[in-house]
PDB file of all heavy atoms in Angstrom:
ATOM      1  N   THR A   1      55.774  95.111  69.157  1.00  0.00           N
ATOM      2  CA  THR A   1      54.869  94.221  68.398  1.00  0.00           C
ATOM      3  C   THR A   1      55.527  93.795  67.085  1.00  0.00           C
ATOM      4  O   THR A   1      54.881  93.136  66.266  1.00  0.00           O
ATOM      5  CB  THR A   1      53.515  94.957  68.079  1.00  0.00           C
ATOM      6  OG1 THR A   1      53.796  96.136  67.369  1.00  0.00           O
ATOM      7  CG2 THR A   1      52.762  95.232  69.378  1.00  0.00           C
ATOM      8  N   ASN A   2      56.800  94.116  66.953  1.00  0.00           N
ATOM      9  CA  ASN A   2      57.579  93.702  65.750  1.00  0.00           C
ATOM     10  C   ASN A   2      57.836  92.247  65.831  1.00  0.00           C
ATOM     11  O   ASN A   2      58.456  91.742  66.784  1.00  0.00           O
ATOM     12  CB  ASN A   2      58.878  94.478  65.724  1.00  0.00           C
ATOM     13  CG  ASN A   2      59.724  94.130  64.527  1.00  0.00           C
ATOM     14  OD1 ASN A   2      60.132  92.986  64.363  1.00  0.00           O
ATOM     15  ND2 ASN A   2      60.003  95.141  63.700  1.00  0.00           N
ATOM     16  N   PRO A   3      57.369  91.455  64.847  1.00  0.00           N
ATOM     17  CA  PRO A   3      57.533  89.991  64.870  1.00  0.00           C
ATOM     18  C   PRO A   3      58.976  89.518  64.989  1.00  0.00           C
ATOM     19  O   PRO A   3      59.244  88.543  65.706  1.00  0.00           O
ATOM     20  CB  PRO A   3      56.903  89.517  63.576  1.00  0.00           C
ATOM     21  CG  PRO A   3      55.981  90.606  63.161  1.00  0.00           C
ATOM     22  CD  PRO A   3      56.583  91.883  63.653  1.00  0.00           C
ATOM     23  N   ILE A   4      59.897  90.198  64.341  1.00  0.00           N
ATOM     24  CA  ILE A   4      61.304  89.821  64.422  1.00  0.00           C
ATOM     25  C   ILE A   4      61.850  90.013  65.807  1.00  0.00           C
ATOM     26  O   ILE A   4      62.545  89.152  66.363  1.00  0.00           O
ATOM     27  CB  ILE A   4      62.183  90.589  63.386  1.00  0.00           C
ATOM     28  CG1 ILE A   4      61.629  90.385  61.936  1.00  0.00           C
ATOM     29  CG2 ILE A   4      63.634  90.217  63.491  1.00  0.00           C
ATOM     30  CD1 ILE A   4      61.675  88.988  61.458  1.00  0.00           C
ATOM     31  N   LEU A   5      61.552  91.164  66.401  1.00  0.00           N
ATOM     32  CA  LEU A   5      62.006  91.432  67.785  1.00  0.00           C
ATOM     33  C   LEU A   5      61.353  90.479  68.761  1.00  0.00           C
ATOM     34  O   LEU A   5      61.996  89.999  69.725  1.00  0.00           O
ATOM     35  CB  LEU A   5      61.716  92.891  68.154  1.00  0.00           C
ATOM     36  CG  LEU A   5      62.579  93.936  67.504  1.00  0.00           C
ATOM     37  CD1 LEU A   5      62.177  95.335  67.927  1.00  0.00           C
ATOM     38  CD2 LEU A   5      64.067  93.712  67.855  1.00  0.00           C
ATOM     39  N   ILE A   6      60.074  90.189  68.554  1.00  0.00           N
ATOM     40  CA  ILE A   6      59.405  89.217  69.431  1.00  0.00           C
ATOM     41  C   ILE A   6      60.111  87.861  69.348  1.00  0.00           C
ATOM     42  O   ILE A   6      60.386  87.242  70.375  1.00  0.00           O
ATOM     43  CB  ILE A   6      57.910  89.067  69.049  1.00  0.00           C
ATOM     44  CG1 ILE A   6      57.149  90.318  69.448  1.00  0.00           C
ATOM     45  CG2 ILE A   6      57.310  87.836  69.684  1.00  0.00           C
ATOM     46  CD1 ILE A   6      55.731  90.382  68.931  1.00  0.00           C
ATOM     47  N   ALA A   7      60.452  87.437  68.143  1.00  0.00           N
ATOM     48  CA  ALA A   7      61.118  86.138  67.960  1.00  0.00           C
ATOM     49  C   ALA A   7      62.501  86.152  68.656  1.00  0.00           C
ATOM     50  O   ALA A   7      62.858  85.166  69.368  1.00  0.00           O
ATOM     51  CB  ALA A   7      61.288  85.841  66.487  1.00  0.00           C
ATOM     52  N   ILE A   8      63.237  87.238  68.530  1.00  0.00           N
ATOM     53  CA  ILE A   8      64.568  87.295  69.127  1.00  0.00           C
ATOM     54  C   ILE A   8      64.490  87.350  70.670  1.00  0.00           C
ATOM     55  O   ILE A   8      65.183  86.600  71.363  1.00  0.00           O
ATOM     56  CB  ILE A   8      65.357  88.501  68.558  1.00  0.00           C
ATOM     57  CG1 ILE A   8      65.681  88.256  67.089  1.00  0.00           C
ATOM     58  CG2 ILE A   8      66.623  88.775  69.385  1.00  0.00           C
ATOM     59  CD1 ILE A   8      66.178  89.482  66.347  1.00  0.00           C
ATOM     60  N   ILE A   9      63.595  88.201  71.164  1.00  0.00           N
ATOM     61  CA  ILE A   9      63.446  88.300  72.640  1.00  0.00           C
ATOM     62  C   ILE A   9      62.934  87.029  73.233  1.00  0.00           C
ATOM     63  O   ILE A   9      63.474  86.520  74.221  1.00  0.00           O
ATOM     64  CB  ILE A   9      62.512  89.475  72.976  1.00  0.00           C
ATOM     65  CG1 ILE A   9      63.148  90.818  72.573  1.00  0.00           C
ATOM     66  CG2 ILE A   9      62.151  89.464  74.475  1.00  0.00           C
ATOM     67  CD1 ILE A   9      62.177  91.999  72.566  1.00  0.00           C
ATOM     68  N   TRP A  10      61.869  86.471  72.664  1.00  0.00           N
ATOM     69  CA  TRP A  10      61.317  85.243  73.164  1.00  0.00           C
ATOM     70  C   TRP A  10      62.320  84.083  73.018  1.00  0.00           C
ATOM     71  O   TRP A  10      62.441  83.250  73.866  1.00  0.00           O
ATOM     72  CB  TRP A  10      60.035  84.943  72.415  1.00  0.00           C
ATOM     73  CG  TRP A  10      59.077  83.976  73.061  1.00  0.00           C
ATOM     74  CD1 TRP A  10      59.247  83.188  74.147  1.00  0.00           C
ATOM     75  CD2 TRP A  10      57.763  83.734  72.617  1.00  0.00           C
ATOM     76  NE1 TRP A  10      58.148  82.462  74.431  1.00  0.00           N
ATOM     77  CE2 TRP A  10      57.190  82.778  73.458  1.00  0.00           C
ATOM     78  CE3 TRP A  10      56.979  84.226  71.558  1.00  0.00           C
ATOM     79  CZ2 TRP A  10      55.903  82.267  73.289  1.00  0.00           C
ATOM     80  CZ3 TRP A  10      55.695  83.708  71.411  1.00  0.00           C
ATOM     81  CH2 TRP A  10      55.165  82.771  72.267  1.00  0.00           C
ATOM     82  N   GLY A  11      63.020  84.087  71.909  1.00  0.00           N
ATOM     83  CA  GLY A  11      64.056  83.072  71.692  1.00  0.00           C
ATOM     84  C   GLY A  11      65.168  83.165  72.716  1.00  0.00           C
ATOM     85  O   GLY A  11      65.645  82.148  73.241  1.00  0.00           O
ATOM     86  N   ALA A  12      65.602  84.379  73.045  1.00  0.00           N
ATOM     87  CA  ALA A  12      66.627  84.554  74.080  1.00  0.00           C
ATOM     88  C   ALA A  12      66.117  84.072  75.439  1.00  0.00           C
ATOM     89  O   ALA A  12      66.856  83.477  76.212  1.00  0.00           O
ATOM     90  CB  ALA A  12      67.070  86.012  74.124  1.00  0.00           C
ATOM     91  N   SER A  13      64.835  84.353  75.736  1.00  0.00           N
ATOM     92  CA  SER A  13      64.255  83.918  76.971  1.00  0.00           C
ATOM     93  C   SER A  13      64.214  82.383  77.037  1.00  0.00           C
ATOM     94  O   SER A  13      64.549  81.770  78.058  1.00  0.00           O
ATOM     95  CB  SER A  13      62.874  84.476  77.140  1.00  0.00           C
ATOM     96  OG  SER A  13      62.255  84.022  78.303  1.00  0.00           O
ATOM     97  N   MET A  14      63.903  81.779  75.927  1.00  0.00           N
ATOM     98  CA  MET A  14      63.883  80.306  75.860  1.00  0.00           C
ATOM     99  C   MET A  14      65.301  79.693  75.901  1.00  0.00           C
ATOM    100  O   MET A  14      65.494  78.610  76.438  1.00  0.00           O
ATOM    101  CB  MET A  14      63.122  79.828  74.616  1.00  0.00           C
ATOM    102  CG  MET A  14      61.626  80.152  74.651  1.00  0.00           C
ATOM    103  SD  MET A  14      60.780  79.582  76.159  1.00  0.00           S
ATOM    104  CE  MET A  14      60.937  77.822  75.950  1.00  0.00           C
ATOM    105  N   ALA A  15      66.252  80.436  75.351  1.00  0.00           N
ATOM    106  CA  ALA A  15      67.671  79.984  75.503  1.00  0.00           C
ATOM    107  C   ALA A  15      68.056  79.971  76.983  1.00  0.00           C
ATOM    108  O   ALA A  15      68.746  79.061  77.425  1.00  0.00           O
ATOM    109  CB  ALA A  15      68.595  80.939  74.697  1.00  0.00           C
ATOM    110  N   CYS A  16      67.605  80.963  77.721  1.00  0.00           N
ATOM    111  CA  CYS A  16      67.869  80.965  79.181  1.00  0.00           C
ATOM    112  C   CYS A  16      67.218  79.733  79.816  1.00  0.00           C
ATOM    113  O   CYS A  16      67.819  79.115  80.676  1.00  0.00           O
ATOM    114  CB  CYS A  16      67.293  82.249  79.817  1.00  0.00           C
ATOM    115  SG  CYS A  16      68.205  83.724  79.411  1.00  0.00           S
ATOM    116  N   SER A  17      66.023  79.404  79.398  1.00  0.00           N
ATOM    117  CA  SER A  17      65.367  78.197  79.923  1.00  0.00           C
ATOM    118  C   SER A  17      66.158  76.943  79.604  1.00  0.00           C
ATOM    119  O   SER A  17      66.297  76.054  80.456  1.00  0.00           O
ATOM    120  CB  SER A  17      63.940  78.054  79.329  1.00  0.00           C
ATOM    121  OG  SER A  17      63.137  79.120  79.771  1.00  0.00           O
ATOM    122  N   SER A  18      66.715  76.878  78.403  1.00  0.00           N
ATOM    123  CA  SER A  18      67.521  75.700  78.063  1.00  0.00           C
ATOM    124  C   SER A  18      68.765  75.614  78.896  1.00  0.00           C
ATOM    125  O   SER A  18      69.169  74.528  79.310  1.00  0.00           O
ATOM    126  CB  SER A  18      67.913  75.772  76.562  1.00  0.00           C
ATOM    127  OG  SER A  18      66.741  75.584  75.757  1.00  0.00           O
ATOM    128  N   VAL A  19      69.391  76.762  79.162  1.00  0.00           N
ATOM    129  CA  VAL A  19      70.570  76.770  80.046  1.00  0.00           C
ATOM    130  C   VAL A  19      70.182  76.257  81.438  1.00  0.00           C
ATOM    131  O   VAL A  19      70.901  75.434  82.025  1.00  0.00           O
ATOM    132  CB  VAL A  19      71.171  78.188  80.125  1.00  0.00           C
ATOM    133  CG1 VAL A  19      72.232  78.282  81.241  1.00  0.00           C
ATOM    134  CG2 VAL A  19      71.807  78.586  78.794  1.00  0.00           C
ATOM    135  N   VAL A  20      69.030  76.683  81.922  1.00  0.00           N
ATOM    136  CA  VAL A  20      68.554  76.209  83.238  1.00  0.00           C
ATOM    137  C   VAL A  20      68.343  74.696  83.205  1.00  0.00           C
ATOM    138  O   VAL A  20      68.799  73.968  84.129  1.00  0.00           O
ATOM    139  CB  VAL A  20      67.265  76.930  83.665  1.00  0.00           C
ATOM    140  CG1 VAL A  20      66.615  76.253  84.862  1.00  0.00           C
ATOM    141  CG2 VAL A  20      67.523  78.396  83.977  1.00  0.00           C
ATOM    142  N   ILE A  21      67.688  74.192  82.165  1.00  0.00           N
ATOM    143  CA  ILE A  21      67.366  72.770  82.103  1.00  0.00           C
ATOM    144  C   ILE A  21      68.643  71.925  82.059  1.00  0.00           C
ATOM    145  O   ILE A  21      68.779  70.947  82.782  1.00  0.00           O
ATOM    146  CB  ILE A  21      66.461  72.493  80.881  1.00  0.00           C
ATOM    147  CG1 ILE A  21      65.086  73.092  81.141  1.00  0.00           C
ATOM    148  CG2 ILE A  21      66.351  70.988  80.590  1.00  0.00           C
ATOM    149  CD1 ILE A  21      64.203  73.204  79.908  1.00  0.00           C
ATOM    150  N   VAL A  22      69.551  72.274  81.181  1.00  0.00           N
ATOM    151  CA  VAL A  22      70.803  71.515  81.043  1.00  0.00           C
ATOM    152  C   VAL A  22      71.557  71.555  82.350  1.00  0.00           C
ATOM    153  O   VAL A  22      72.111  70.534  82.831  1.00  0.00           O
ATOM    154  CB  VAL A  22      71.637  71.983  79.850  1.00  0.00           C
ATOM    155  CG1 VAL A  22      73.000  71.336  79.844  1.00  0.00           C
ATOM    156  CG2 VAL A  22      70.888  71.727  78.535  1.00  0.00           C
ATOM    157  N   THR A  23      71.650  72.710  82.943  1.00  0.00           N
ATOM    158  CA  THR A  23      72.385  72.857  84.199  1.00  0.00           C
ATOM    159  C   THR A  23      71.740  72.038  85.304  1.00  0.00           C
ATOM    160  O   THR A  23      72.428  71.343  86.054  1.00  0.00           O
ATOM    161  CB  THR A  23      72.463  74.366  84.600  1.00  0.00           C
ATOM    162  OG1 THR A  23      73.025  75.082  83.543  1.00  0.00           O
ATOM    163  CG2 THR A  23      73.298  74.545  85.877  1.00  0.00           C
ATOM    164  N   TYR A  24      70.444  72.098  85.391  1.00  0.00           N
ATOM    165  CA  TYR A  24      69.739  71.351  86.423  1.00  0.00           C
ATOM    166  C   TYR A  24      69.920  69.837  86.223  1.00  0.00           C
ATOM    167  O   TYR A  24      70.201  69.097  87.196  1.00  0.00           O
ATOM    168  CB  TYR A  24      68.208  71.686  86.416  1.00  0.00           C
ATOM    169  CG  TYR A  24      67.435  70.719  87.233  1.00  0.00           C
ATOM    170  CD1 TYR A  24      67.496  70.755  88.626  1.00  0.00           C
ATOM    171  CD2 TYR A  24      66.687  69.711  86.655  1.00  0.00           C
ATOM    172  CE1 TYR A  24      66.807  69.870  89.420  1.00  0.00           C
ATOM    173  CE2 TYR A  24      65.974  68.772  87.419  1.00  0.00           C
ATOM    174  CZ  TYR A  24      66.044  68.862  88.807  1.00  0.00           C
ATOM    175  OH  TYR A  24      65.355  67.972  89.537  1.00  0.00           O
ATOM    176  N   PHE A  25      69.777  69.363  85.020  1.00  0.00           N
ATOM    177  CA  PHE A  25      69.937  67.905  84.757  1.00  0.00           C
ATOM    178  C   PHE A  25      71.358  67.487  85.109  1.00  0.00           C
ATOM    179  O   PHE A  25      71.575  66.395  85.667  1.00  0.00           O
ATOM    180  CB  PHE A  25      69.630  67.586  83.295  1.00  0.00           C
ATOM    181  CG  PHE A  25      68.140  67.532  82.999  1.00  0.00           C
ATOM    182  CD1 PHE A  25      67.191  68.005  83.857  1.00  0.00           C
ATOM    183  CD2 PHE A  25      67.728  67.003  81.789  1.00  0.00           C
ATOM    184  CE1 PHE A  25      65.830  67.946  83.556  1.00  0.00           C
ATOM    185  CE2 PHE A  25      66.371  66.953  81.465  1.00  0.00           C
ATOM    186  CZ  PHE A  25      65.409  67.434  82.368  1.00  0.00           C
ATOM    187  N   THR A  26      72.349  68.272  84.751  1.00  0.00           N
ATOM    188  CA  THR A  26      73.733  67.969  85.069  1.00  0.00           C
ATOM    189  C   THR A  26      73.945  67.927  86.572  1.00  0.00           C
ATOM    190  O   THR A  26      74.579  67.025  87.115  1.00  0.00           O
ATOM    191  CB  THR A  26      74.694  68.983  84.390  1.00  0.00           C
ATOM    192  OG1 THR A  26      74.444  68.980  83.017  1.00  0.00           O
ATOM    193  CG2 THR A  26      76.135  68.663  84.686  1.00  0.00           C
ATOM    194  N   MET A  27      73.410  68.943  87.255  1.00  0.00           N
ATOM    195  CA  MET A  27      73.532  69.012  88.704  1.00  0.00           C
ATOM    196  C   MET A  27      72.860  67.781  89.365  1.00  0.00           C
ATOM    197  O   MET A  27      73.395  67.192  90.306  1.00  0.00           O
ATOM    198  CB  MET A  27      72.932  70.304  89.215  1.00  0.00           C
ATOM    199  CG  MET A  27      73.104  70.563  90.685  1.00  0.00           C
ATOM    200  SD  MET A  27      72.475  72.178  91.224  1.00  0.00           S
ATOM    201  CE  MET A  27      70.726  71.900  91.061  1.00  0.00           C
ATOM    202  N   ARG A  28      71.693  67.417  88.862  1.00  0.00           N
ATOM    203  CA  ARG A  28      70.943  66.304  89.417  1.00  0.00           C
ATOM    204  C   ARG A  28      71.746  65.017  89.276  1.00  0.00           C
ATOM    205  O   ARG A  28      71.864  64.200  90.178  1.00  0.00           O
ATOM    206  CB  ARG A  28      69.599  66.140  88.750  1.00  0.00           C
ATOM    207  CG  ARG A  28      68.796  64.987  89.305  1.00  0.00           C
ATOM    208  CD  ARG A  28      67.451  64.849  88.606  1.00  0.00           C
ATOM    209  NE  ARG A  28      67.643  64.638  87.178  1.00  0.00           N
ATOM    210  CZ  ARG A  28      66.689  64.717  86.289  1.00  0.00           C
ATOM    211  NH1 ARG A  28      65.439  65.016  86.675  1.00  0.00           N
ATOM    212  NH2 ARG A  28      66.912  64.510  85.019  1.00  0.00           N
ATOM    213  N   GLN A  29      72.361  64.803  88.107  1.00  0.00           N
ATOM    214  CA  GLN A  29      73.176  63.595  87.878  1.00  0.00           C
ATOM    215  C   GLN A  29      74.380  63.529  88.830  1.00  0.00           C
ATOM    216  O   GLN A  29      74.765  62.455  89.271  1.00  0.00           O
ATOM    217  CB  GLN A  29      73.698  63.529  86.447  1.00  0.00           C
ATOM    218  CG  GLN A  29      72.700  62.859  85.531  1.00  0.00           C
ATOM    219  CD  GLN A  29      73.340  62.597  84.178  1.00  0.00           C
ATOM    220  OE1 GLN A  29      73.648  63.549  83.431  1.00  0.00           O
ATOM    221  NE2 GLN A  29      73.501  61.358  83.858  1.00  0.00           N
ATOM    222  N   ARG A  30      74.944  64.676  89.163  1.00  0.00           N
ATOM    223  CA  ARG A  30      76.080  64.733  90.077  1.00  0.00           C
ATOM    224  C   ARG A  30      75.635  64.511  91.521  1.00  0.00           C
ATOM    225  O   ARG A  30      76.383  63.949  92.309  1.00  0.00           O
ATOM    226  CB  ARG A  30      76.790  66.076  89.946  1.00  0.00           C
ATOM    227  CG  ARG A  30      77.531  66.227  88.640  1.00  0.00           C
ATOM    228  CD  ARG A  30      78.160  67.602  88.567  1.00  0.00           C
ATOM    229  NE  ARG A  30      78.829  67.772  87.268  1.00  0.00           N
ATOM    230  CZ  ARG A  30      79.156  68.956  86.786  1.00  0.00           C
ATOM    231  NH1 ARG A  30      78.898  70.055  87.455  1.00  0.00           N
ATOM    232  NH2 ARG A  30      79.755  69.039  85.615  1.00  0.00           N
ATOM    233  N   ALA A  31      74.454  64.968  91.878  1.00  0.00           N
ATOM    234  CA  ALA A  31      74.056  65.017  93.269  1.00  0.00           C
ATOM    235  C   ALA A  31      73.290  63.766  93.736  1.00  0.00           C
ATOM    236  O   ALA A  31      73.369  63.382  94.899  1.00  0.00           O
ATOM    237  CB  ALA A  31      73.144  66.219  93.530  1.00  0.00           C
ATOM    238  N   VAL A  32      72.592  63.100  92.829  1.00  0.00           N
ATOM    239  CA  VAL A  32      71.766  61.966  93.203  1.00  0.00           C
ATOM    240  C   VAL A  32      72.595  60.678  93.032  1.00  0.00           C
ATOM    241  O   VAL A  32      73.233  60.478  91.999  1.00  0.00           O
ATOM    242  CB  VAL A  32      70.473  61.901  92.323  1.00  0.00           C
ATOM    243  CG1 VAL A  32      69.653  60.678  92.631  1.00  0.00           C
ATOM    244  CG2 VAL A  32      69.649  63.192  92.554  1.00  0.00           C
ATOM    245  N   SER A  33      72.507  59.840  94.020  1.00  0.00           N
ATOM    246  CA  SER A  33      73.273  58.543  93.947  1.00  0.00           C
ATOM    247  C   SER A  33      72.726  57.679  92.829  1.00  0.00           C
ATOM    248  O   SER A  33      71.550  57.721  92.486  1.00  0.00           O
ATOM    249  CB  SER A  33      73.213  57.823  95.288  1.00  0.00           C
ATOM    250  OG  SER A  33      71.913  57.379  95.537  1.00  0.00           O
ATOM    251  N   LYS A  34      73.605  56.908  92.256  1.00  0.00           N
ATOM    252  CA  LYS A  34      73.290  56.104  91.091  1.00  0.00           C
ATOM    253  C   LYS A  34      72.136  55.139  91.344  1.00  0.00           C
ATOM    254  O   LYS A  34      71.368  54.859  90.414  1.00  0.00           O
ATOM    255  CB  LYS A  34      74.547  55.296  90.639  1.00  0.00           C
ATOM    256  CG  LYS A  34      75.729  56.167  90.302  1.00  0.00           C
ATOM    257  CD  LYS A  34      75.687  56.639  88.886  1.00  0.00           C
ATOM    258  CE  LYS A  34      76.967  57.391  88.526  1.00  0.00           C
ATOM    259  NZ  LYS A  34      76.829  58.788  88.387  1.00  0.00           N
ATOM    260  N   ASP A  35      72.019  54.617  92.562  1.00  0.00           N
ATOM    261  CA  ASP A  35      70.985  53.638  92.810  1.00  0.00           C
ATOM    262  C   ASP A  35      69.556  54.202  92.825  1.00  0.00           C
ATOM    263  O   ASP A  35      68.611  53.450  92.637  1.00  0.00           O
ATOM    264  CB  ASP A  35      71.256  52.880  94.153  1.00  0.00           C
ATOM    265  CG  ASP A  35      71.333  53.806  95.343  1.00  0.00           C
ATOM    266  OD1 ASP A  35      71.854  54.902  95.229  1.00  0.00           O
ATOM    267  OD2 ASP A  35      70.819  53.417  96.403  1.00  0.00           O
ATOM    268  N   ILE A  36      69.417  55.507  92.959  1.00  0.00           N
ATOM    269  CA  ILE A  36      68.064  56.099  92.884  1.00  0.00           C
ATOM    270  C   ILE A  36      67.935  57.147  91.761  1.00  0.00           C
ATOM    271  O   ILE A  36      66.889  57.788  91.625  1.00  0.00           O
ATOM    272  CB  ILE A  36      67.666  56.689  94.234  1.00  0.00           C
ATOM    273  CG1 ILE A  36      68.540  57.866  94.639  1.00  0.00           C
ATOM    274  CG2 ILE A  36      67.537  55.664  95.311  1.00  0.00           C
ATOM    275  CD1 ILE A  36      68.002  58.691  95.777  1.00  0.00           C
ATOM    276  N   LEU A  37      68.949  57.242  90.931  1.00  0.00           N
ATOM    277  CA  LEU A  37      68.928  58.259  89.866  1.00  0.00           C
ATOM    278  C   LEU A  37      67.743  58.021  88.941  1.00  0.00           C
ATOM    279  O   LEU A  37      67.036  58.973  88.533  1.00  0.00           O
ATOM    280  CB  LEU A  37      70.243  58.280  89.085  1.00  0.00           C
ATOM    281  CG  LEU A  37      70.369  59.305  88.003  1.00  0.00           C
ATOM    282  CD1 LEU A  37      70.219  60.727  88.594  1.00  0.00           C
ATOM    283  CD2 LEU A  37      71.716  59.192  87.316  1.00  0.00           C
ATOM    284  N   GLY A  38      67.481  56.800  88.565  1.00  0.00           N
ATOM    285  CA  GLY A  38      66.351  56.511  87.660  1.00  0.00           C
ATOM    286  C   GLY A  38      65.040  56.990  88.241  1.00  0.00           C
ATOM    287  O   GLY A  38      64.205  57.545  87.536  1.00  0.00           O
ATOM    288  N   ARG A  39      64.815  56.778  89.513  1.00  0.00           N
ATOM    289  CA  ARG A  39      63.572  57.265  90.159  1.00  0.00           C
ATOM    290  C   ARG A  39      63.515  58.772  90.193  1.00  0.00           C
ATOM    291  O   ARG A  39      62.463  59.346  89.973  1.00  0.00           O
ATOM    292  CB  ARG A  39      63.441  56.677  91.576  1.00  0.00           C
ATOM    293  CG  ARG A  39      63.027  55.201  91.557  1.00  0.00           C
ATOM    294  CD  ARG A  39      63.043  54.682  92.956  1.00  0.00           C
ATOM    295  NE  ARG A  39      64.387  54.102  93.100  1.00  0.00           N
ATOM    296  CZ  ARG A  39      64.854  53.506  94.190  1.00  0.00           C
ATOM    297  NH1 ARG A  39      64.078  53.402  95.256  1.00  0.00           N
ATOM    298  NH2 ARG A  39      66.046  53.008  94.242  1.00  0.00           N
ATOM    299  N   ALA A  40      64.643  59.394  90.458  1.00  0.00           N
ATOM    300  CA  ALA A  40      64.700  60.850  90.455  1.00  0.00           C
ATOM    301  C   ALA A  40      64.398  61.412  89.089  1.00  0.00           C
ATOM    302  O   ALA A  40      63.635  62.390  88.913  1.00  0.00           O
ATOM    303  CB  ALA A  40      66.066  61.347  90.952  1.00  0.00           C
ATOM    304  N   ILE A  41      64.941  60.784  88.039  1.00  0.00           N
ATOM    305  CA  ILE A  41      64.713  61.233  86.678  1.00  0.00           C
ATOM    306  C   ILE A  41      63.252  61.044  86.278  1.00  0.00           C
ATOM    307  O   ILE A  41      62.676  61.873  85.596  1.00  0.00           O
ATOM    308  CB  ILE A  41      65.682  60.506  85.693  1.00  0.00           C
ATOM    309  CG1 ILE A  41      67.105  61.035  85.930  1.00  0.00           C
ATOM    310  CG2 ILE A  41      65.238  60.707  84.256  1.00  0.00           C
ATOM    311  CD1 ILE A  41      68.159  60.240  85.179  1.00  0.00           C
ATOM    312  N   ALA A  42      62.667  59.948  86.718  1.00  0.00           N
ATOM    313  CA  ALA A  42      61.255  59.693  86.411  1.00  0.00           C
ATOM    314  C   ALA A  42      60.300  60.604  87.180  1.00  0.00           C
ATOM    315  O   ALA A  42      59.250  60.994  86.649  1.00  0.00           O
ATOM    316  CB  ALA A  42      60.923  58.225  86.703  1.00  0.00           C
ATOM    317  N   THR A  43      60.635  60.952  88.375  1.00  0.00           N
ATOM    318  CA  THR A  43      59.747  61.732  89.205  1.00  0.00           C
ATOM    319  C   THR A  43      59.771  63.221  88.870  1.00  0.00           C
ATOM    320  O   THR A  43      58.724  63.886  88.891  1.00  0.00           O
ATOM    321  CB  THR A  43      60.119  61.599  90.693  1.00  0.00           C
ATOM    322  OG1 THR A  43      60.113  60.191  91.021  1.00  0.00           O
ATOM    323  CG2 THR A  43      59.188  62.332  91.633  1.00  0.00           C
ATOM    324  N   THR A  44      60.891  63.746  88.455  1.00  0.00           N
ATOM    325  CA  THR A  44      61.040  65.158  88.152  1.00  0.00           C
ATOM    326  C   THR A  44      60.018  65.637  87.090  1.00  0.00           C
ATOM    327  O   THR A  44      59.300  66.612  87.333  1.00  0.00           O
ATOM    328  CB  THR A  44      62.480  65.481  87.726  1.00  0.00           C
ATOM    329  OG1 THR A  44      63.364  65.070  88.762  1.00  0.00           O
ATOM    330  CG2 THR A  44      62.690  66.976  87.525  1.00  0.00           C
ATOM    331  N   PRO A  45      59.931  64.982  85.920  1.00  0.00           N
ATOM    332  CA  PRO A  45      58.956  65.471  84.936  1.00  0.00           C
ATOM    333  C   PRO A  45      57.523  65.336  85.441  1.00  0.00           C
ATOM    334  O   PRO A  45      56.688  66.161  85.126  1.00  0.00           O
ATOM    335  CB  PRO A  45      59.170  64.600  83.722  1.00  0.00           C
ATOM    336  CG  PRO A  45      60.393  63.853  83.924  1.00  0.00           C
ATOM    337  CD  PRO A  45      60.765  63.921  85.377  1.00  0.00           C
TER     338      PRO A  45
END
């Protein structure tokens, strides 16, 4: 229940989420053909 530890643990968990997001977006750009990339980017969110 220590606020500093909560911030560090939760922050590290969110850092993992950011790694997932950046990796996924990069992978999507590589995998989806350019002619439908815009639709894929719009549909995902």
